Amino acid sequence: MVDLRSGKNTSPYTPEQQEQMAALVRENKKRKELLKQTKLKTIAEEQAAKMKKLEEEMKKVQQEEEERRKAAEEEAAAEEAKERMHIESRKGSSGTKKDEDTEMEKKISGWITNLSLGEDKEAKFYVPQDERDALAQELAAMDDPLERQEREEEK
């Protein structure tokens, strides 16, 4: 639109057409603003949903962690109770433990006595036949009787 010196303005559009265009421009601005607000609202809702989901997951993880901690505490308590029972049972049966130790010592000393007295029949069962044969051959090959006797005693 152009203003002339005479005060008239030349415009290719009529005042009605200009009003219509101005109304269209306003509608477009409103529509764009609404779209913008709708997008922002949608983004905000999505973020809120994500935050809620994250919070729920955090609660779930915390609950699982709490359950694991409780389970560990219960297990530790059970282990401690078991240990206490074991200790208490030792205290109550301390005489039997000593009796077992004494009995084992008697058996060991009996074995040592039997072996030292030459009654090594039981000991032969612990030495494989191959090793006994190898020792016999080694002893037969020795010429010195003292060396042979030392070797026999050693085995």
N, C-alpha and C. Protein backbone atom coordinates (compact mmCIF):
# COMPACT_ATOMS: atom_id res chain seq x y z
N MET A 1 0.84 -1.15 0.00
CA MET A 1 0.00 0.00 0.00
C MET A 1 0.90 1.24 0.00
N VAL A 2 0.53 2.17 -0.82
CA VAL A 2 1.33 3.38 -1.01
C VAL A 2 0.47 4.60 -0.73
N ASP A 3 0.98 5.59 0.07
CA ASP A 3 0.25 6.84 0.35
C ASP A 3 0.71 7.91 -0.65
N LEU A 4 -0.25 8.59 -1.22
CA LEU A 4 0.05 9.68 -2.17
C LEU A 4 -0.02 11.02 -1.45
N ARG A 5 0.51 12.10 -2.12
CA ARG A 5 0.47 13.43 -1.52
C ARG A 5 -0.95 13.96 -1.39
N SER A 6 -1.77 13.48 -2.16
CA SER A 6 -3.15 13.97 -2.12
C SER A 6 -3.91 13.36 -0.95
N GLY A 7 -3.29 12.41 -0.26
CA GLY A 7 -3.95 11.83 0.90
C GLY A 7 -4.60 10.50 0.58
N LYS A 8 -4.60 10.15 -0.69
CA LYS A 8 -5.18 8.87 -1.06
C LYS A 8 -4.09 7.79 -0.97
N ASN A 9 -4.52 6.64 -0.72
CA ASN A 9 -3.56 5.54 -0.75
C ASN A 9 -3.98 4.54 -1.81
N THR A 10 -2.99 4.04 -2.44
CA THR A 10 -3.27 3.08 -3.51
C THR A 10 -2.93 1.70 -2.98
N SER A 11 -3.86 0.87 -3.06
CA SER A 11 -3.65 -0.49 -2.57
C SER A 11 -4.31 -1.42 -3.56
N PRO A 12 -3.68 -2.55 -3.84
CA PRO A 12 -4.30 -3.47 -4.78
C PRO A 12 -5.50 -4.19 -4.15
N TYR A 13 -5.61 -4.07 -2.81
CA TYR A 13 -6.71 -4.77 -2.14
C TYR A 13 -7.72 -3.78 -1.60
N THR A 14 -8.92 -4.27 -1.52
CA THR A 14 -9.98 -3.45 -0.93
C THR A 14 -9.85 -3.53 0.58
N PRO A 15 -10.45 -2.58 1.30
CA PRO A 15 -10.38 -2.64 2.77
C PRO A 15 -10.95 -3.96 3.31
N GLU A 16 -11.93 -4.53 2.68
CA GLU A 16 -12.50 -5.81 3.13
C GLU A 16 -11.49 -6.94 2.97
N GLN A 17 -10.80 -6.90 1.82
CA GLN A 17 -9.79 -7.94 1.58
C GLN A 17 -8.64 -7.80 2.58
N GLN A 18 -8.29 -6.56 2.89
CA GLN A 18 -7.22 -6.35 3.87
C GLN A 18 -7.64 -6.87 5.25
N GLU A 19 -8.90 -6.65 5.61
CA GLU A 19 -9.42 -7.16 6.89
C GLU A 19 -9.36 -8.68 6.90
N GLN A 20 -9.73 -9.30 5.79
CA GLN A 20 -9.72 -10.76 5.71
C GLN A 20 -8.28 -11.29 5.87
N MET A 21 -7.36 -10.62 5.20
CA MET A 21 -5.96 -11.05 5.30
C MET A 21 -5.44 -10.86 6.72
N ALA A 22 -5.78 -9.75 7.33
CA ALA A 22 -5.35 -9.51 8.71
C ALA A 22 -5.94 -10.58 9.62
N ALA A 23 -7.22 -10.96 9.38
CA ALA A 23 -7.86 -12.01 10.18
C ALA A 23 -7.15 -13.35 9.96
N LEU A 24 -6.77 -13.64 8.71
CA LEU A 24 -6.04 -14.88 8.40
C LEU A 24 -4.68 -14.92 9.10
N VAL A 25 -4.00 -13.76 9.06
CA VAL A 25 -2.69 -13.69 9.72
C VAL A 25 -2.84 -13.93 11.21
N ARG A 26 -3.88 -13.30 11.81
CA ARG A 26 -4.11 -13.51 13.25
C ARG A 26 -4.43 -14.97 13.55
N GLU A 27 -5.26 -15.58 12.70
CA GLU A 27 -5.61 -16.99 12.89
C GLU A 27 -4.36 -17.88 12.78
N ASN A 28 -3.52 -17.56 11.79
CA ASN A 28 -2.28 -18.34 11.63
C ASN A 28 -1.39 -18.21 12.86
N LYS A 29 -1.28 -16.96 13.37
CA LYS A 29 -0.46 -16.75 14.58
C LYS A 29 -1.04 -17.54 15.74
N LYS A 30 -2.40 -17.49 15.90
CA LYS A 30 -3.04 -18.21 17.01
C LYS A 30 -2.81 -19.72 16.85
N ARG A 31 -2.99 -20.21 15.60
CA ARG A 31 -2.82 -21.64 15.35
C ARG A 31 -1.38 -22.07 15.64
N LYS A 32 -0.41 -21.26 15.20
CA LYS A 32 0.98 -21.58 15.45
C LYS A 32 1.27 -21.57 16.96
N GLU A 33 0.70 -20.59 17.65
CA GLU A 33 0.89 -20.51 19.09
C GLU A 33 0.27 -21.72 19.78
N LEU A 34 -0.92 -22.12 19.33
CA LEU A 34 -1.57 -23.31 19.90
C LEU A 34 -0.76 -24.57 19.62
N LEU A 35 -0.23 -24.69 18.40
CA LEU A 35 0.60 -25.84 18.06
C LEU A 35 1.86 -25.87 18.93
N LYS A 36 2.43 -24.69 19.11
CA LYS A 36 3.63 -24.58 19.93
C LYS A 36 3.32 -24.99 21.37
N GLN A 37 2.19 -24.49 21.89
CA GLN A 37 1.80 -24.83 23.26
C GLN A 37 1.48 -26.32 23.38
N THR A 38 0.83 -26.85 22.35
CA THR A 38 0.49 -28.28 22.36
C THR A 38 1.76 -29.13 22.36
N LYS A 39 2.72 -28.74 21.53
CA LYS A 39 3.99 -29.48 21.49
C LYS A 39 4.70 -29.40 22.84
N LEU A 40 4.74 -28.20 23.40
CA LEU A 40 5.38 -28.03 24.70
C LEU A 40 4.68 -28.86 25.78
N LYS A 41 3.36 -28.87 25.71
CA LYS A 41 2.57 -29.63 26.68
C LYS A 41 2.84 -31.13 26.51
N THR A 42 2.91 -31.57 25.26
CA THR A 42 3.19 -32.98 24.98
C THR A 42 4.57 -33.36 25.50
N ILE A 43 5.55 -32.50 25.24
CA ILE A 43 6.91 -32.76 25.72
C ILE A 43 6.93 -32.80 27.24
N ALA A 44 6.24 -31.87 27.87
CA ALA A 44 6.19 -31.84 29.33
C ALA A 44 5.54 -33.11 29.88
N GLU A 45 4.45 -33.56 29.22
CA GLU A 45 3.78 -34.78 29.66
C GLU A 45 4.69 -36.00 29.49
N GLU A 46 5.42 -36.04 28.37
CA GLU A 46 6.34 -37.15 28.14
C GLU A 46 7.44 -37.16 29.21
N GLN A 47 7.96 -35.97 29.52
CA GLN A 47 8.99 -35.88 30.55
C GLN A 47 8.44 -36.29 31.91
N ALA A 48 7.21 -35.87 32.18
CA ALA A 48 6.59 -36.25 33.45
C ALA A 48 6.41 -37.76 33.52
N ALA A 49 5.99 -38.36 32.39
CA ALA A 49 5.81 -39.81 32.35
C ALA A 49 7.14 -40.52 32.55
N LYS A 50 8.20 -40.01 31.91
CA LYS A 50 9.53 -40.59 32.08
C LYS A 50 10.00 -40.48 33.53
N MET A 51 9.77 -39.30 34.12
CA MET A 51 10.16 -39.09 35.51
C MET A 51 9.41 -40.06 36.43
N LYS A 52 8.12 -40.22 36.17
CA LYS A 52 7.32 -41.12 36.99
C LYS A 52 7.83 -42.56 36.83
N LYS A 53 8.13 -42.93 35.60
CA LYS A 53 8.64 -44.27 35.35
C LYS A 53 9.99 -44.48 36.05
N LEU A 54 10.85 -43.46 35.97
CA LEU A 54 12.14 -43.54 36.65
C LEU A 54 11.97 -43.65 38.17
N GLU A 55 11.03 -42.88 38.70
CA GLU A 55 10.77 -42.94 40.14
C GLU A 55 10.28 -44.33 40.54
N GLU A 56 9.40 -44.91 39.70
CA GLU A 56 8.89 -46.26 39.99
C GLU A 56 10.02 -47.27 39.93
N GLU A 57 10.89 -47.13 38.94
CA GLU A 57 12.02 -48.04 38.83
C GLU A 57 12.96 -47.89 40.02
N MET A 58 13.18 -46.65 40.45
CA MET A 58 14.03 -46.41 41.62
C MET A 58 13.43 -47.05 42.87
N LYS A 59 12.11 -46.90 43.02
CA LYS A 59 11.45 -47.52 44.17
C LYS A 59 11.60 -49.03 44.11
N LYS A 60 11.43 -49.58 42.90
CA LYS A 60 11.55 -51.03 42.73
C LYS A 60 12.97 -51.49 43.06
N VAL A 61 13.96 -50.75 42.57
CA VAL A 61 15.35 -51.10 42.85
C VAL A 61 15.63 -50.98 44.35
N GLN A 62 15.11 -49.94 44.97
CA GLN A 62 15.31 -49.77 46.41
C GLN A 62 14.65 -50.90 47.19
N GLN A 63 13.45 -51.31 46.74
CA GLN A 63 12.77 -52.41 47.41
C GLN A 63 13.57 -53.70 47.26
N GLU A 64 14.07 -53.95 46.05
CA GLU A 64 14.87 -55.15 45.82
C GLU A 64 16.13 -55.11 46.67
N GLU A 65 16.74 -53.94 46.74
CA GLU A 65 17.95 -53.77 47.54
C GLU A 65 17.64 -54.01 49.01
N GLU A 66 16.53 -53.49 49.46
CA GLU A 66 16.11 -53.67 50.85
C GLU A 66 15.85 -55.16 51.12
N GLU A 67 15.19 -55.84 50.17
CA GLU A 67 14.92 -57.27 50.33
C GLU A 67 16.23 -58.05 50.39
N ARG A 68 17.19 -57.70 49.52
CA ARG A 68 18.48 -58.38 49.54
C ARG A 68 19.20 -58.14 50.84
N ARG A 69 19.13 -56.90 51.32
CA ARG A 69 19.79 -56.56 52.59
C ARG A 69 19.16 -57.36 53.74
N LYS A 70 17.82 -57.42 53.74
CA LYS A 70 17.13 -58.18 54.79
C LYS A 70 17.50 -59.66 54.70
N ALA A 71 17.53 -60.18 53.47
CA ALA A 71 17.89 -61.59 53.29
C ALA A 71 19.31 -61.85 53.78
N ALA A 72 20.22 -60.91 53.47
CA ALA A 72 21.61 -61.05 53.92
C ALA A 72 21.67 -61.00 55.44
N GLU A 73 20.90 -60.08 56.04
CA GLU A 73 20.89 -59.99 57.50
C GLU A 73 20.33 -61.27 58.12
N GLU A 74 19.26 -61.80 57.52
CA GLU A 74 18.67 -63.04 58.04
C GLU A 74 19.67 -64.19 57.91
N GLU A 75 20.34 -64.22 56.76
CA GLU A 75 21.32 -65.28 56.54
C GLU A 75 22.47 -65.16 57.55
N ALA A 76 22.91 -63.93 57.78
CA ALA A 76 23.98 -63.71 58.74
C ALA A 76 23.52 -64.10 60.15
N ALA A 77 22.28 -63.76 60.47
CA ALA A 77 21.74 -64.12 61.79
C ALA A 77 21.65 -65.64 61.92
N ALA A 78 21.21 -66.30 60.86
CA ALA A 78 21.11 -67.75 60.89
C ALA A 78 22.50 -68.38 61.03
N GLU A 79 23.45 -67.84 60.31
CA GLU A 79 24.82 -68.31 60.37
C GLU A 79 25.38 -68.12 61.78
N GLU A 80 25.09 -66.95 62.36
CA GLU A 80 25.56 -66.66 63.72
C GLU A 80 24.91 -67.61 64.72
N ALA A 81 23.61 -67.85 64.55
CA ALA A 81 22.92 -68.77 65.45
C ALA A 81 23.50 -70.18 65.31
N LYS A 82 23.77 -70.56 64.08
CA LYS A 82 24.35 -71.88 63.83
C LYS A 82 25.72 -71.99 64.51
N GLU A 83 26.51 -70.93 64.37
CA GLU A 83 27.84 -70.91 64.99
C GLU A 83 27.72 -70.99 66.51
N ARG A 84 26.77 -70.23 67.07
CA ARG A 84 26.55 -70.27 68.52
C ARG A 84 26.17 -71.67 68.97
N MET A 85 25.28 -72.30 68.19
CA MET A 85 24.84 -73.66 68.54
C MET A 85 26.03 -74.61 68.48
N HIS A 86 26.87 -74.41 67.46
CA HIS A 86 28.04 -75.27 67.31
C HIS A 86 28.99 -75.09 68.49
N ILE A 87 29.20 -73.84 68.89
CA ILE A 87 30.09 -73.55 70.03
C ILE A 87 29.49 -74.13 71.31
N GLU A 88 28.20 -73.93 71.48
CA GLU A 88 27.54 -74.45 72.68
C GLU A 88 27.58 -75.97 72.72
N SER A 89 27.42 -76.59 71.54
CA SER A 89 27.47 -78.05 71.52
C SER A 89 28.87 -78.54 71.85
N ARG A 90 29.90 -77.77 71.46
CA ARG A 90 31.27 -78.14 71.82
C ARG A 90 31.47 -78.05 73.34
N LYS A 91 30.92 -76.99 73.92
CA LYS A 91 31.06 -76.80 75.37
C LYS A 91 30.39 -77.95 76.11
N GLY A 92 29.22 -78.34 75.64
CA GLY A 92 28.47 -79.40 76.30
C GLY A 92 29.13 -80.76 76.14
N SER A 93 29.78 -80.98 75.02
CA SER A 93 30.37 -82.29 74.76
C SER A 93 31.89 -82.22 74.73
N SER A 94 32.45 -81.37 75.56
CA SER A 94 33.90 -81.21 75.56
C SER A 94 34.58 -82.49 76.03
N GLY A 95 33.95 -83.25 76.90
CA GLY A 95 34.53 -84.50 77.38
C GLY A 95 34.66 -85.51 76.25
N THR A 96 33.69 -85.58 75.36
CA THR A 96 33.75 -86.53 74.26
C THR A 96 34.83 -86.16 73.27
N LYS A 97 35.05 -84.88 73.06
CA LYS A 97 36.09 -84.42 72.15
C LYS A 97 37.46 -84.83 72.69
N LYS A 98 37.65 -84.64 73.98
CA LYS A 98 38.91 -85.02 74.60
C LYS A 98 39.09 -86.54 74.55
N ASP A 99 37.98 -87.25 74.73
CA ASP A 99 38.04 -88.70 74.66
C ASP A 99 38.44 -89.15 73.27
N GLU A 100 37.90 -88.50 72.25
CA GLU A 100 38.24 -88.85 70.87
C GLU A 100 39.71 -88.57 70.60
N ASP A 101 40.21 -87.42 71.07
CA ASP A 101 41.61 -87.08 70.88
C ASP A 101 42.51 -88.10 71.57
N THR A 102 42.16 -88.48 72.78
CA THR A 102 42.94 -89.45 73.53
C THR A 102 42.94 -90.80 72.82
N GLU A 103 41.78 -91.18 72.34
CA GLU A 103 41.65 -92.45 71.63
C GLU A 103 42.50 -92.45 70.36
N MET A 104 42.49 -91.33 69.61
CA MET A 104 43.28 -91.23 68.39
C MET A 104 44.77 -91.29 68.71
N GLU A 105 45.19 -90.63 69.78
CA GLU A 105 46.59 -90.68 70.18
C GLU A 105 47.01 -92.10 70.53
N LYS A 106 46.13 -92.84 71.19
CA LYS A 106 46.44 -94.24 71.55
C LYS A 106 46.62 -95.07 70.28
N LYS A 107 45.73 -94.86 69.29
CA LYS A 107 45.84 -95.62 68.04
C LYS A 107 47.16 -95.31 67.34
N ILE A 108 47.50 -94.02 67.26
CA ILE A 108 48.73 -93.61 66.58
C ILE A 108 49.94 -94.19 67.29
N SER A 109 49.96 -94.09 68.61
CA SER A 109 51.11 -94.64 69.35
C SER A 109 51.18 -96.16 69.19
N GLY A 110 50.03 -96.81 69.08
CA GLY A 110 50.01 -98.26 68.84
C GLY A 110 50.59 -98.59 67.48
N TRP A 111 50.24 -97.81 66.48
CA TRP A 111 50.78 -98.05 65.14
C TRP A 111 52.30 -97.85 65.13
N ILE A 112 52.74 -96.79 65.78
CA ILE A 112 54.18 -96.51 65.82
C ILE A 112 54.91 -97.65 66.53
N THR A 113 54.32 -98.14 67.62
CA THR A 113 54.94 -99.24 68.36
C THR A 113 55.03 -100.47 67.49
N ASN A 114 53.94 -100.80 66.79
CA ASN A 114 53.93 -101.98 65.93
C ASN A 114 54.97 -101.86 64.83
N LEU A 115 55.08 -100.67 64.25
CA LEU A 115 56.06 -100.48 63.18
C LEU A 115 57.48 -100.57 63.70
N SER A 116 57.71 -99.98 64.88
CA SER A 116 59.07 -99.98 65.41
C SER A 116 59.47 -101.36 65.91
N LEU A 117 58.52 -102.20 66.29
CA LEU A 117 58.84 -103.54 66.77
C LEU A 117 59.02 -104.54 65.62
N GLY A 118 58.82 -104.08 64.42
CA GLY A 118 59.01 -104.97 63.29
C GLY A 118 57.72 -105.60 62.83
N GLU A 119 56.63 -105.29 63.45
CA GLU A 119 55.35 -105.85 63.05
C GLU A 119 54.74 -104.92 61.99
N ASP A 120 55.36 -104.91 60.84
CA ASP A 120 54.94 -103.97 59.80
C ASP A 120 54.09 -104.63 58.73
N LYS A 121 53.31 -105.61 59.08
CA LYS A 121 52.44 -106.27 58.12
C LYS A 121 51.41 -105.29 57.56
N GLU A 122 50.88 -104.45 58.45
CA GLU A 122 49.91 -103.46 58.00
C GLU A 122 50.57 -102.40 57.13
N ALA A 123 51.82 -102.10 57.40
CA ALA A 123 52.52 -101.07 56.64
C ALA A 123 52.76 -101.51 55.21
N LYS A 124 52.90 -102.81 54.98
CA LYS A 124 53.11 -103.31 53.62
C LYS A 124 51.95 -102.94 52.71
N PHE A 125 50.78 -102.87 53.27
CA PHE A 125 49.60 -102.54 52.47
C PHE A 125 49.63 -101.10 51.99
N TYR A 126 50.37 -100.25 52.69
CA TYR A 126 50.46 -98.85 52.32
C TYR A 126 51.51 -98.59 51.25
N VAL A 127 52.49 -99.53 51.09
CA VAL A 127 53.54 -99.38 50.10
C VAL A 127 53.17 -100.25 48.89
N PRO A 128 53.10 -99.70 47.69
CA PRO A 128 52.74 -100.50 46.52
C PRO A 128 53.78 -101.59 46.23
N GLN A 129 53.34 -102.65 45.61
CA GLN A 129 54.19 -103.80 45.31
C GLN A 129 55.36 -103.39 44.42
N ASP A 130 55.14 -102.49 43.47
CA ASP A 130 56.21 -102.06 42.57
C ASP A 130 57.36 -101.43 43.35
N GLU A 131 57.00 -100.58 44.34
CA GLU A 131 58.04 -99.93 45.13
C GLU A 131 58.82 -100.95 45.96
N ARG A 132 58.12 -101.96 46.49
CA ARG A 132 58.78 -102.99 47.29
C ARG A 132 59.75 -103.81 46.43
N ASP A 133 59.30 -104.12 45.21
CA ASP A 133 60.17 -104.89 44.30
C ASP A 133 61.40 -104.07 43.92
N ALA A 134 61.22 -102.79 43.65
CA ALA A 134 62.34 -101.92 43.29
C ALA A 134 63.34 -101.83 44.44
N LEU A 135 62.84 -101.74 45.66
CA LEU A 135 63.71 -101.68 46.83
C LEU A 135 64.49 -102.99 47.00
N ALA A 136 63.82 -104.12 46.77
CA ALA A 136 64.48 -105.42 46.91
C ALA A 136 65.61 -105.54 45.91
N GLN A 137 65.39 -105.09 44.67
CA GLN A 137 66.43 -105.15 43.65
C GLN A 137 67.59 -104.21 44.02
N GLU A 138 67.26 -103.06 44.54
CA GLU A 138 68.29 -102.10 44.93
C GLU A 138 69.14 -102.66 46.07
N LEU A 139 68.49 -103.33 47.04
CA LEU A 139 69.21 -103.90 48.16
C LEU A 139 70.09 -105.07 47.71
N ALA A 140 69.63 -105.85 46.75
CA ALA A 140 70.41 -106.99 46.24
C ALA A 140 71.66 -106.49 45.51
N ALA A 141 71.55 -105.34 44.89
CA ALA A 141 72.68 -104.81 44.13
C ALA A 141 73.75 -104.21 45.03
N MET A 142 73.43 -103.91 46.29
CA MET A 142 74.40 -103.30 47.20
C MET A 142 75.37 -104.36 47.74
N ASP A 143 76.65 -104.02 47.79
CA ASP A 143 77.68 -104.92 48.28
C ASP A 143 77.97 -104.71 49.76
N ASP A 144 77.94 -103.47 50.19
CA ASP A 144 78.28 -103.14 51.57
C ASP A 144 77.11 -103.50 52.49
N PRO A 145 77.29 -104.41 53.48
CA PRO A 145 76.18 -104.83 54.36
C PRO A 145 75.67 -103.69 55.25
N LEU A 146 76.53 -102.77 55.67
CA LEU A 146 76.08 -101.65 56.51
C LEU A 146 75.18 -100.70 55.73
N GLU A 147 75.57 -100.45 54.51
CA GLU A 147 74.78 -99.57 53.66
C GLU A 147 73.41 -100.18 53.37
N ARG A 148 73.42 -101.53 53.13
CA ARG A 148 72.18 -102.26 52.88
C ARG A 148 71.26 -102.17 54.09
N GLN A 149 71.80 -102.35 55.28
CA GLN A 149 71.01 -102.32 56.52
C GLN A 149 70.41 -100.92 56.74
N GLU A 150 71.20 -99.87 56.48
CA GLU A 150 70.70 -98.50 56.62
C GLU A 150 69.54 -98.24 55.65
N ARG A 151 69.71 -98.73 54.43
CA ARG A 151 68.67 -98.54 53.41
C ARG A 151 67.37 -99.27 53.80
N GLU A 152 67.50 -100.47 54.34
CA GLU A 152 66.32 -101.23 54.77
C GLU A 152 65.59 -100.50 55.90
N GLU A 153 66.35 -100.01 56.85
CA GLU A 153 65.75 -99.29 57.97
C GLU A 153 65.06 -97.99 57.50
N GLU A 154 65.68 -97.38 56.53
CA GLU A 154 65.12 -96.14 56.00
C GLU A 154 63.77 -96.38 55.34
N LYS A 155 63.68 -97.43 54.57
CA LYS A 155 62.41 -97.74 53.91
C LYS A 155 61.44 -98.36 54.86
